[in-house]
Amino acid sequence: MTAEQVLKELEEIFRDNFDDDDIVLTRETTADDIEDWDSLEQINLLTTIGKKYGIKFSIDDVSSLANVGDMVDLVLRLKA
């Protein structure tokens, strides 16, 4: 699995969670870039991502996420 594949799959998850087919993610995308991405939505996203990839996030893992690129890297690290 490549970073590009994970980014594309995350984009689909974001589109579903936010009910917005116009969302386009980059590694630099942050919560400030997507309307309604708040702490509750962060939990929903992480839950959905965890289920999709069969991974569990620790508090330390998620507290260090600054952007979607960090999320992609975390998924790849936990899947390895």
N, C-alpha and C. Protein backbone atom coordinates (compact mmCIF):
# COMPACT_ATOMS: atom_id res chain seq x y z
N MET A 1 0.84 -1.17 0.00
CA MET A 1 0.00 0.00 0.00
C MET A 1 0.89 1.25 0.00
N THR A 2 0.57 2.18 -0.86
CA THR A 2 1.37 3.39 -0.97
C THR A 2 0.67 4.56 -0.27
N ALA A 3 1.42 5.62 -0.04
CA ALA A 3 0.86 6.83 0.56
C ALA A 3 -0.23 7.42 -0.34
N GLU A 4 -0.03 7.33 -1.64
CA GLU A 4 -1.03 7.86 -2.58
C GLU A 4 -2.34 7.09 -2.48
N GLN A 5 -2.24 5.76 -2.32
CA GLN A 5 -3.45 4.94 -2.19
C GLN A 5 -4.19 5.29 -0.90
N VAL A 6 -3.46 5.42 0.18
CA VAL A 6 -4.08 5.77 1.46
C VAL A 6 -4.73 7.14 1.37
N LEU A 7 -4.05 8.10 0.76
CA LEU A 7 -4.61 9.45 0.62
C LEU A 7 -5.92 9.40 -0.16
N LYS A 8 -5.97 8.63 -1.23
CA LYS A 8 -7.19 8.52 -2.03
C LYS A 8 -8.31 7.86 -1.23
N GLU A 9 -7.97 6.82 -0.47
CA GLU A 9 -8.97 6.15 0.35
C GLU A 9 -9.47 7.07 1.47
N LEU A 10 -8.56 7.84 2.07
CA LEU A 10 -8.96 8.80 3.10
C LEU A 10 -9.88 9.87 2.51
N GLU A 11 -9.59 10.27 1.29
CA GLU A 11 -10.44 11.26 0.62
C GLU A 11 -11.88 10.75 0.54
N GLU A 12 -12.06 9.48 0.21
CA GLU A 12 -13.40 8.89 0.14
C GLU A 12 -14.06 8.87 1.52
N ILE A 13 -13.28 8.55 2.55
CA ILE A 13 -13.82 8.55 3.91
C ILE A 13 -14.25 9.96 4.30
N PHE A 14 -13.42 10.95 4.01
CA PHE A 14 -13.77 12.33 4.32
C PHE A 14 -15.03 12.75 3.57
N ARG A 15 -15.13 12.40 2.30
CA ARG A 15 -16.31 12.75 1.51
C ARG A 15 -17.57 12.15 2.12
N ASP A 16 -17.48 10.89 2.55
CA ASP A 16 -18.63 10.23 3.16
C ASP A 16 -18.97 10.87 4.51
N ASN A 17 -17.97 11.08 5.35
CA ASN A 17 -18.22 11.63 6.69
C ASN A 17 -18.78 13.04 6.65
N PHE A 18 -18.28 13.84 5.72
CA PHE A 18 -18.73 15.23 5.64
C PHE A 18 -19.86 15.42 4.62
N ASP A 19 -20.25 14.33 3.97
CA ASP A 19 -21.29 14.37 2.94
C ASP A 19 -21.01 15.47 1.92
N ASP A 20 -19.78 15.45 1.40
CA ASP A 20 -19.33 16.47 0.46
C ASP A 20 -18.41 15.83 -0.58
N ASP A 21 -18.94 15.60 -1.77
CA ASP A 21 -18.17 14.95 -2.83
C ASP A 21 -17.11 15.86 -3.45
N ASP A 22 -17.08 17.12 -3.04
CA ASP A 22 -16.11 18.07 -3.60
C ASP A 22 -14.81 18.13 -2.81
N ILE A 23 -14.73 17.41 -1.69
CA ILE A 23 -13.51 17.45 -0.88
C ILE A 23 -12.36 16.81 -1.66
N VAL A 24 -11.25 17.53 -1.73
CA VAL A 24 -10.02 17.02 -2.33
C VAL A 24 -8.93 17.17 -1.28
N LEU A 25 -8.37 16.04 -0.87
CA LEU A 25 -7.34 16.06 0.16
C LEU A 25 -5.95 16.14 -0.44
N THR A 26 -5.08 16.85 0.25
CA THR A 26 -3.65 16.82 -0.02
C THR A 26 -2.99 16.48 1.30
N ARG A 27 -1.71 16.22 1.26
CA ARG A 27 -0.98 15.94 2.50
C ARG A 27 -1.00 17.15 3.44
N GLU A 28 -1.19 18.33 2.88
CA GLU A 28 -1.16 19.56 3.69
C GLU A 28 -2.53 19.96 4.24
N THR A 29 -3.60 19.25 3.87
CA THR A 29 -4.95 19.59 4.33
C THR A 29 -5.02 19.50 5.85
N THR A 30 -5.64 20.53 6.46
CA THR A 30 -5.84 20.55 7.91
C THR A 30 -7.32 20.77 8.22
N ALA A 31 -7.66 20.71 9.48
CA ALA A 31 -9.04 20.93 9.90
C ALA A 31 -9.52 22.32 9.51
N ASP A 32 -8.63 23.27 9.42
CA ASP A 32 -9.01 24.63 9.02
C ASP A 32 -9.49 24.69 7.57
N ASP A 33 -9.12 23.70 6.78
CA ASP A 33 -9.47 23.70 5.36
C ASP A 33 -10.84 23.09 5.05
N ILE A 34 -11.42 22.38 6.02
CA ILE A 34 -12.69 21.69 5.79
C ILE A 34 -13.71 22.15 6.82
N GLU A 35 -14.78 22.73 6.29
CA GLU A 35 -15.84 23.21 7.16
C GLU A 35 -16.41 22.04 7.96
N ASP A 36 -16.70 22.28 9.22
CA ASP A 36 -17.29 21.30 10.14
C ASP A 36 -16.30 20.25 10.65
N TRP A 37 -15.02 20.35 10.32
CA TRP A 37 -14.04 19.41 10.87
C TRP A 37 -13.66 19.91 12.26
N ASP A 38 -14.37 19.39 13.25
CA ASP A 38 -14.11 19.76 14.62
C ASP A 38 -13.67 18.52 15.40
N SER A 39 -13.57 18.63 16.72
CA SER A 39 -13.05 17.52 17.52
C SER A 39 -13.96 16.29 17.46
N LEU A 40 -15.27 16.51 17.42
CA LEU A 40 -16.19 15.38 17.31
C LEU A 40 -16.03 14.68 15.96
N GLU A 41 -15.90 15.47 14.91
CA GLU A 41 -15.71 14.88 13.58
C GLU A 41 -14.36 14.17 13.49
N GLN A 42 -13.37 14.67 14.19
CA GLN A 42 -12.06 14.00 14.23
C GLN A 42 -12.21 12.59 14.80
N ILE A 43 -13.00 12.46 15.85
CA ILE A 43 -13.24 11.15 16.44
C ILE A 43 -13.96 10.24 15.45
N ASN A 44 -14.97 10.77 14.77
CA ASN A 44 -15.69 9.99 13.76
C ASN A 44 -14.75 9.53 12.65
N LEU A 45 -13.89 10.43 12.19
CA LEU A 45 -12.94 10.09 11.12
C LEU A 45 -11.99 8.98 11.58
N LEU A 46 -11.43 9.15 12.76
CA LEU A 46 -10.46 8.16 13.26
C LEU A 46 -11.13 6.80 13.49
N THR A 47 -12.37 6.80 13.94
CA THR A 47 -13.09 5.55 14.13
C THR A 47 -13.30 4.85 12.78
N THR A 48 -13.73 5.61 11.79
CA THR A 48 -13.95 5.04 10.46
C THR A 48 -12.65 4.54 9.85
N ILE A 49 -11.59 5.33 9.98
CA ILE A 49 -10.28 4.94 9.43
C ILE A 49 -9.77 3.68 10.13
N GLY A 50 -9.91 3.64 11.44
CA GLY A 50 -9.48 2.47 12.20
C GLY A 50 -10.19 1.20 11.76
N LYS A 51 -11.51 1.30 11.55
CA LYS A 51 -12.28 0.15 11.10
C LYS A 51 -11.86 -0.28 9.69
N LYS A 52 -11.68 0.68 8.81
CA LYS A 52 -11.32 0.36 7.42
C LYS A 52 -10.00 -0.41 7.34
N TYR A 53 -9.02 0.04 8.12
CA TYR A 53 -7.69 -0.55 8.04
C TYR A 53 -7.40 -1.59 9.12
N GLY A 54 -8.35 -1.80 10.03
CA GLY A 54 -8.13 -2.78 11.10
C GLY A 54 -7.02 -2.37 12.04
N ILE A 55 -6.97 -1.07 12.37
CA ILE A 55 -5.93 -0.56 13.25
C ILE A 55 -6.56 0.19 14.42
N LYS A 56 -5.79 0.35 15.48
CA LYS A 56 -6.23 1.12 16.64
C LYS A 56 -5.24 2.25 16.88
N PHE A 57 -5.79 3.41 17.16
CA PHE A 57 -4.97 4.59 17.42
C PHE A 57 -4.82 4.80 18.91
N SER A 58 -3.63 5.21 19.33
CA SER A 58 -3.42 5.60 20.72
C SER A 58 -3.59 7.12 20.83
N ILE A 59 -3.76 7.58 22.05
CA ILE A 59 -3.87 9.03 22.28
C ILE A 59 -2.61 9.73 21.78
N ASP A 60 -1.45 9.13 22.03
CA ASP A 60 -0.20 9.73 21.56
C ASP A 60 -0.17 9.83 20.05
N ASP A 61 -0.69 8.80 19.36
CA ASP A 61 -0.73 8.81 17.90
C ASP A 61 -1.53 10.00 17.39
N VAL A 62 -2.75 10.13 17.89
CA VAL A 62 -3.65 11.13 17.34
C VAL A 62 -3.35 12.55 17.81
N SER A 63 -2.73 12.68 18.97
CA SER A 63 -2.45 14.03 19.47
C SER A 63 -1.37 14.73 18.66
N SER A 64 -0.58 13.96 17.92
CA SER A 64 0.51 14.55 17.14
C SER A 64 0.12 14.82 15.68
N LEU A 65 -1.13 14.52 15.30
CA LEU A 65 -1.55 14.73 13.91
C LEU A 65 -1.74 16.21 13.63
N ALA A 66 -1.01 16.72 12.66
CA ALA A 66 -1.12 18.14 12.29
C ALA A 66 -1.86 18.34 10.98
N ASN A 67 -1.85 17.31 10.13
CA ASN A 67 -2.49 17.43 8.82
C ASN A 67 -2.80 16.03 8.27
N VAL A 68 -3.39 15.98 7.10
CA VAL A 68 -3.75 14.71 6.50
C VAL A 68 -2.51 13.88 6.18
N GLY A 69 -1.42 14.52 5.82
CA GLY A 69 -0.18 13.79 5.55
C GLY A 69 0.27 13.00 6.76
N ASP A 70 0.15 13.60 7.95
CA ASP A 70 0.50 12.88 9.18
C ASP A 70 -0.43 11.68 9.37
N MET A 71 -1.69 11.85 9.01
CA MET A 71 -2.67 10.77 9.12
C MET A 71 -2.30 9.62 8.17
N VAL A 72 -1.92 9.96 6.95
CA VAL A 72 -1.50 8.95 5.97
C VAL A 72 -0.30 8.18 6.51
N ASP A 73 0.70 8.91 7.00
CA ASP A 73 1.91 8.27 7.53
C ASP A 73 1.59 7.36 8.71
N LEU A 74 0.66 7.81 9.56
CA LEU A 74 0.28 7.00 10.73
C LEU A 74 -0.41 5.71 10.28
N VAL A 75 -1.31 5.80 9.33
CA VAL A 75 -1.97 4.60 8.83
C VAL A 75 -0.94 3.62 8.27
N LEU A 76 -0.02 4.13 7.47
CA LEU A 76 1.01 3.26 6.89
C LEU A 76 1.87 2.62 7.97
N ARG A 77 2.22 3.38 8.99
CA ARG A 77 3.06 2.86 10.08
C ARG A 77 2.32 1.77 10.87
N LEU A 78 1.05 2.01 11.18
CA LEU A 78 0.30 1.06 11.96
C LEU A 78 -0.09 -0.19 11.17
N LYS A 79 -0.20 -0.06 9.86
CA LYS A 79 -0.51 -1.21 9.01
C LYS A 79 0.71 -2.10 8.76
N ALA A 80 1.88 -1.55 8.95
CA ALA A 80 3.12 -2.29 8.64
C ALA A 80 3.35 -3.45 9.60
